[in-house]
Protein backbone atom coordinates (compact mmCIF):
# COMPACT_ATOMS: atom_id res chain seq x y z
CA UNK A 1 47.08 94.45 86.68
CA UNK A 2 48.54 95.72 89.96
CA UNK A 3 46.87 92.90 91.87
CA UNK A 4 48.38 90.38 89.46
CA UNK A 5 51.86 91.87 89.91
CA UNK A 6 51.55 91.82 93.68
CA UNK A 7 50.48 88.16 93.58
CA UNK A 8 53.56 87.25 91.55
CA UNK A 9 55.71 89.10 94.05
CA UNK A 10 54.08 87.27 96.95
CA UNK A 11 54.69 83.95 95.18
CA UNK A 12 58.41 84.76 95.02
CA UNK A 13 58.93 85.80 98.65
CA UNK A 14 62.05 84.30 100.23
CA UNK A 15 62.19 85.05 103.95
CA UNK A 16 65.76 83.84 104.40
CA UNK A 17 66.96 86.06 101.55
CA UNK A 18 64.96 88.96 102.99
CA UNK A 19 66.88 88.77 106.27
CA UNK A 20 70.18 88.80 104.40
CA UNK A 21 69.12 91.79 102.32
CA UNK A 22 67.95 93.75 105.35
CA UNK A 23 71.41 93.37 106.85
CA UNK A 24 73.17 94.19 103.59
CA UNK A 25 71.14 97.35 102.99
CA UNK A 26 71.64 98.61 106.55
CA UNK A 27 68.03 98.68 107.74
CA UNK A 28 68.79 98.66 111.47
CA UNK A 29 68.10 101.52 113.88
CA UNK A 30 70.22 104.54 113.06
CA UNK A 31 71.47 103.07 109.77
CA UNK A 32 70.90 104.69 106.39
CA UNK A 33 68.17 102.21 105.39
CA UNK A 34 66.43 102.18 108.77
CA UNK A 35 63.01 100.58 108.66
CA UNK A 36 63.19 99.30 105.07
CA UNK A 37 61.49 95.93 104.60
CA UNK A 38 62.48 93.28 102.04
CA UNK A 39 60.56 90.42 100.49
CA UNK A 40 63.73 88.57 99.46
CA UNK A 41 63.02 88.61 95.72
CA UNK A 42 66.00 88.12 93.40
CA UNK A 43 67.04 90.78 90.89
CA UNK A 44 66.42 88.67 87.72
CA UNK A 45 62.85 88.03 88.88
CA UNK A 46 62.27 91.75 89.44
CA UNK A 47 63.68 92.59 86.01
CA UNK A 48 61.35 90.12 84.33
CA UNK A 49 58.34 91.46 86.23
CA UNK A 50 59.25 95.04 85.32
CA UNK A 51 59.25 94.02 81.64
CA UNK A 52 56.05 92.03 81.94
CA UNK A 53 54.16 94.87 83.62
CA UNK A 54 55.54 97.76 81.58
CA UNK A 55 51.99 98.88 80.75
CA UNK A 56 51.12 99.43 84.42
CA UNK A 57 49.47 102.84 84.67
CA UNK A 58 51.01 105.78 86.51
CA UNK A 59 48.47 105.65 89.31
CA UNK A 60 49.43 102.08 90.15
CA UNK A 61 53.13 102.86 89.77
CA UNK A 62 52.66 105.64 92.33
CA UNK A 63 51.07 103.12 94.71
CA UNK A 64 54.04 100.78 94.27
CA UNK A 65 56.47 103.65 94.90
CA UNK A 66 54.83 104.24 98.27
CA UNK A 67 55.10 100.57 99.24
CA UNK A 68 56.84 99.59 102.47
CA UNK A 69 58.53 96.81 100.51
CA UNK A 70 61.85 97.63 98.89
CA UNK A 71 61.28 95.31 95.93
CA UNK A 72 57.93 96.88 95.06
CA UNK A 73 59.59 100.30 94.93
CA UNK A 74 62.38 98.88 92.79
CA UNK A 75 59.93 97.35 90.33
CA UNK A 76 57.98 100.62 90.14
CA UNK A 77 61.20 102.48 89.28
CA UNK A 78 62.29 99.79 86.82
CA UNK A 79 58.94 100.05 85.04
CA UNK A 80 59.44 103.81 84.77
CA UNK A 81 62.88 103.23 83.24
CA UNK A 82 61.39 100.78 80.74
CA UNK A 83 58.58 103.19 79.88
CA UNK A 84 61.02 106.08 79.49
CA UNK A 85 63.02 104.21 76.84
CA UNK A 86 59.93 103.86 74.65
CA UNK A 87 58.30 107.21 75.46
CA UNK A 88 57.90 110.38 73.40
CA UNK A 89 59.01 113.74 74.82
CA UNK A 90 55.67 114.48 76.52
CA UNK A 91 55.59 111.07 78.20
CA UNK A 92 59.25 111.41 79.21
CA UNK A 93 58.48 114.69 80.94
CA UNK A 94 55.67 112.98 82.86
CA UNK A 95 57.98 110.15 83.95
CA UNK A 96 60.75 112.59 84.93
CA UNK A 97 58.31 114.69 86.99
CA UNK A 98 56.89 111.60 88.69
CA UNK A 99 60.40 110.45 89.56
CA UNK A 100 61.44 113.73 91.15
CA UNK A 101 58.16 114.10 93.04
CA UNK A 102 58.78 110.75 94.72
CA UNK A 103 62.40 111.01 95.84
CA UNK A 104 61.37 110.31 99.45
CA UNK A 105 60.55 106.77 98.32
CA UNK A 106 63.76 106.36 96.28
CA UNK A 107 65.50 105.79 99.56
CA UNK A 108 68.35 103.38 99.17
CA UNK A 109 71.45 103.38 97.01
CA UNK A 110 70.37 100.59 94.67
CA UNK A 111 67.07 102.33 93.94
CA UNK A 112 69.01 105.46 93.02
CA UNK A 113 71.90 103.88 91.15
CA UNK A 114 69.85 101.64 88.87
CA UNK A 115 67.48 104.34 87.71
CA UNK A 116 68.34 108.03 88.10
CA UNK A 117 70.81 108.41 85.22
CA UNK A 118 68.38 106.55 82.95
CA UNK A 119 65.54 108.97 83.74
CA UNK A 120 66.82 112.22 85.27
CA UNK A 121 70.10 112.27 83.35
CA UNK A 122 68.53 111.17 80.09
CA UNK A 123 65.68 113.68 80.33
CA UNK A 124 68.06 116.58 81.03
CA UNK A 125 70.18 115.89 77.96
CA UNK A 126 70.11 119.11 75.95
CA UNK A 127 68.18 120.95 78.69
CA UNK A 128 68.93 123.22 81.64
CA UNK A 129 70.54 121.07 84.35
CA UNK A 130 70.25 123.40 87.35
CA UNK A 131 67.94 120.89 89.03
CA UNK A 132 71.04 118.75 89.65
CA UNK A 133 72.63 121.57 91.65
CA UNK A 134 69.42 121.96 93.65
CA UNK A 135 69.38 118.24 94.42
CA UNK A 136 73.06 118.32 95.37
CA UNK A 137 72.31 120.99 97.97
CA UNK A 138 69.33 119.11 99.39
CA UNK A 139 69.32 117.91 103.00
CA UNK A 140 68.08 114.55 101.73
CA UNK A 141 70.96 112.10 101.27
CA UNK A 142 69.18 110.29 98.44
CA UNK A 143 68.55 113.50 96.49
CA UNK A 144 72.25 114.27 96.85
CA UNK A 145 73.09 110.83 95.49
CA UNK A 146 70.60 111.28 92.63
CA UNK A 147 72.34 114.54 91.70
CA UNK A 148 75.75 112.95 91.20
CA UNK A 149 74.73 109.54 89.81
CA UNK A 150 72.45 111.21 87.25
CA UNK A 151 75.60 112.66 85.68
CA UNK A 152 76.62 109.13 84.73
CA UNK A 153 74.39 109.58 81.68
CA UNK A 154 76.57 112.45 80.44
CA UNK A 155 79.79 110.69 81.40
CA UNK A 156 78.74 107.76 79.22
CA UNK A 157 78.38 110.22 76.35
CA UNK A 158 81.91 111.48 76.93
CA UNK A 159 81.07 114.68 78.80
CA UNK A 160 82.55 115.36 82.26
CA UNK A 161 81.18 118.88 82.74
CA UNK A 162 78.11 118.09 84.82
CA UNK A 163 79.80 115.43 86.94
CA UNK A 164 82.64 117.75 87.87
CA UNK A 165 80.22 120.58 88.64
CA UNK A 166 78.18 118.43 91.02
CA UNK A 167 81.32 116.85 92.50
CA UNK A 168 82.51 120.38 93.33
CA UNK A 169 79.34 120.94 95.37
CA UNK A 170 79.60 117.58 97.15
CA UNK A 171 83.36 117.35 97.59
CA UNK A 172 83.27 117.90 101.36
CA UNK A 173 80.22 115.75 102.12
CA UNK A 174 80.37 113.80 105.38
CA UNK A 175 78.16 110.81 104.53
CA UNK A 176 80.12 107.88 103.13
CA UNK A 177 77.37 107.02 100.63
CA UNK A 178 77.87 110.40 99.01
CA UNK A 179 81.64 110.18 99.25
CA UNK A 180 81.56 106.80 97.49
CA UNK A 181 79.17 108.05 94.81
CA UNK A 182 81.28 111.13 94.05
CA UNK A 183 84.47 109.05 94.00
CA UNK A 184 82.82 106.56 91.67
CA UNK A 185 81.73 109.29 89.22
CA UNK A 186 85.18 110.89 89.31
CA UNK A 187 86.70 107.50 88.50
CA UNK A 188 84.26 107.14 85.58
CA UNK A 189 85.20 110.61 84.33
CA UNK A 190 88.81 109.44 84.18
CA UNK A 191 87.84 106.18 82.51
CA UNK A 192 85.27 107.36 79.97
CA UNK A 193 86.02 111.05 79.42
CA UNK A 194 89.41 112.32 80.41
CA UNK A 195 91.87 111.30 83.12
CA UNK A 196 93.40 114.73 82.71
CA UNK A 197 90.08 116.35 83.71
CA UNK A 198 89.77 114.02 86.67
CA UNK A 199 93.27 114.84 87.83
CA UNK A 200 92.67 118.58 87.47
CA UNK A 201 89.83 118.13 89.94
CA UNK A 202 91.92 115.95 92.25
CA UNK A 203 94.88 118.34 92.27
CA UNK A 204 92.51 121.04 93.46
CA UNK A 205 90.87 118.95 96.18
CA UNK A 206 92.87 115.84 97.08
CA UNK A 207 94.47 117.33 100.20
CA UNK A 208 91.10 118.08 101.81
CA UNK A 209 88.52 115.76 100.22
CA UNK A 210 87.34 112.79 102.31
CA UNK A 211 89.67 109.81 102.12
CA UNK A 212 86.87 107.43 101.05
CA UNK A 213 85.99 109.68 98.11
CA UNK A 214 89.63 109.92 97.11
CA UNK A 215 90.19 106.15 97.32
CA UNK A 216 87.23 105.46 95.06
CA UNK A 217 88.31 108.08 92.54
CA UNK A 218 91.86 106.76 92.08
CA UNK A 219 91.15 103.01 91.92
CA UNK A 220 92.21 102.79 88.25
CA UNK A 221 95.45 104.74 88.67
CA UNK A 222 98.87 103.11 88.75
CA UNK A 223 100.21 102.11 92.16
CA UNK A 224 102.71 104.94 92.01
CA UNK A 225 100.05 107.54 91.26
CA UNK A 226 97.67 106.18 93.92
CA UNK A 227 100.45 106.35 96.49
CA UNK A 228 101.14 109.94 95.53
CA UNK A 229 97.54 111.03 96.14
CA UNK A 230 97.04 108.98 99.30
CA UNK A 231 100.34 110.04 100.85
CA UNK A 232 99.51 113.71 100.37
CA UNK A 233 95.96 113.36 101.75
């Protein structure tokens, strides 16, 4: 089955698109995606393949996760998401463990953002969530991003507690990918949970938090309110 999937991927390679994607995902020397290689496969194609090969076994998924090709890693993660939706609690635990054991391969923002809240967040619902704090304090930028984006699952259920807790840990982060992620989740807290809760956090931190994080977090505010926060920053 893995060989069949790889053949379909090869059949859909688009070299021109691959070059564009390598620029977009910052794969140059010293950039956050340094060394990542793209096949140039479009997202709808990857989604269809992830559905088609949902029964791929965990051993083959692990092989895909270790691939040098970005799209193969994305499909591996998408298959895990699809499996998780249909899994029982024992199988969900296996998928969750596999995900967290392979964070070194979940190494770009799209790989994180499309999957972590659907696996890590969903699995932790009703369970101890201290793993998110551990990830937030990691030296690995992608584990940090997983920690905050995973809280999107709880935000979607109307709970801001975990997002605000992780945002508190990451509020002074230097990397713009973390600043943007935290700002995004703060904005979603205001949108889906409580703007009052978001503003309580901002009033505590807006004078010192990174400007990028602040800008992302206040995008939905009125012009007057945005000006207030930006002027005081």
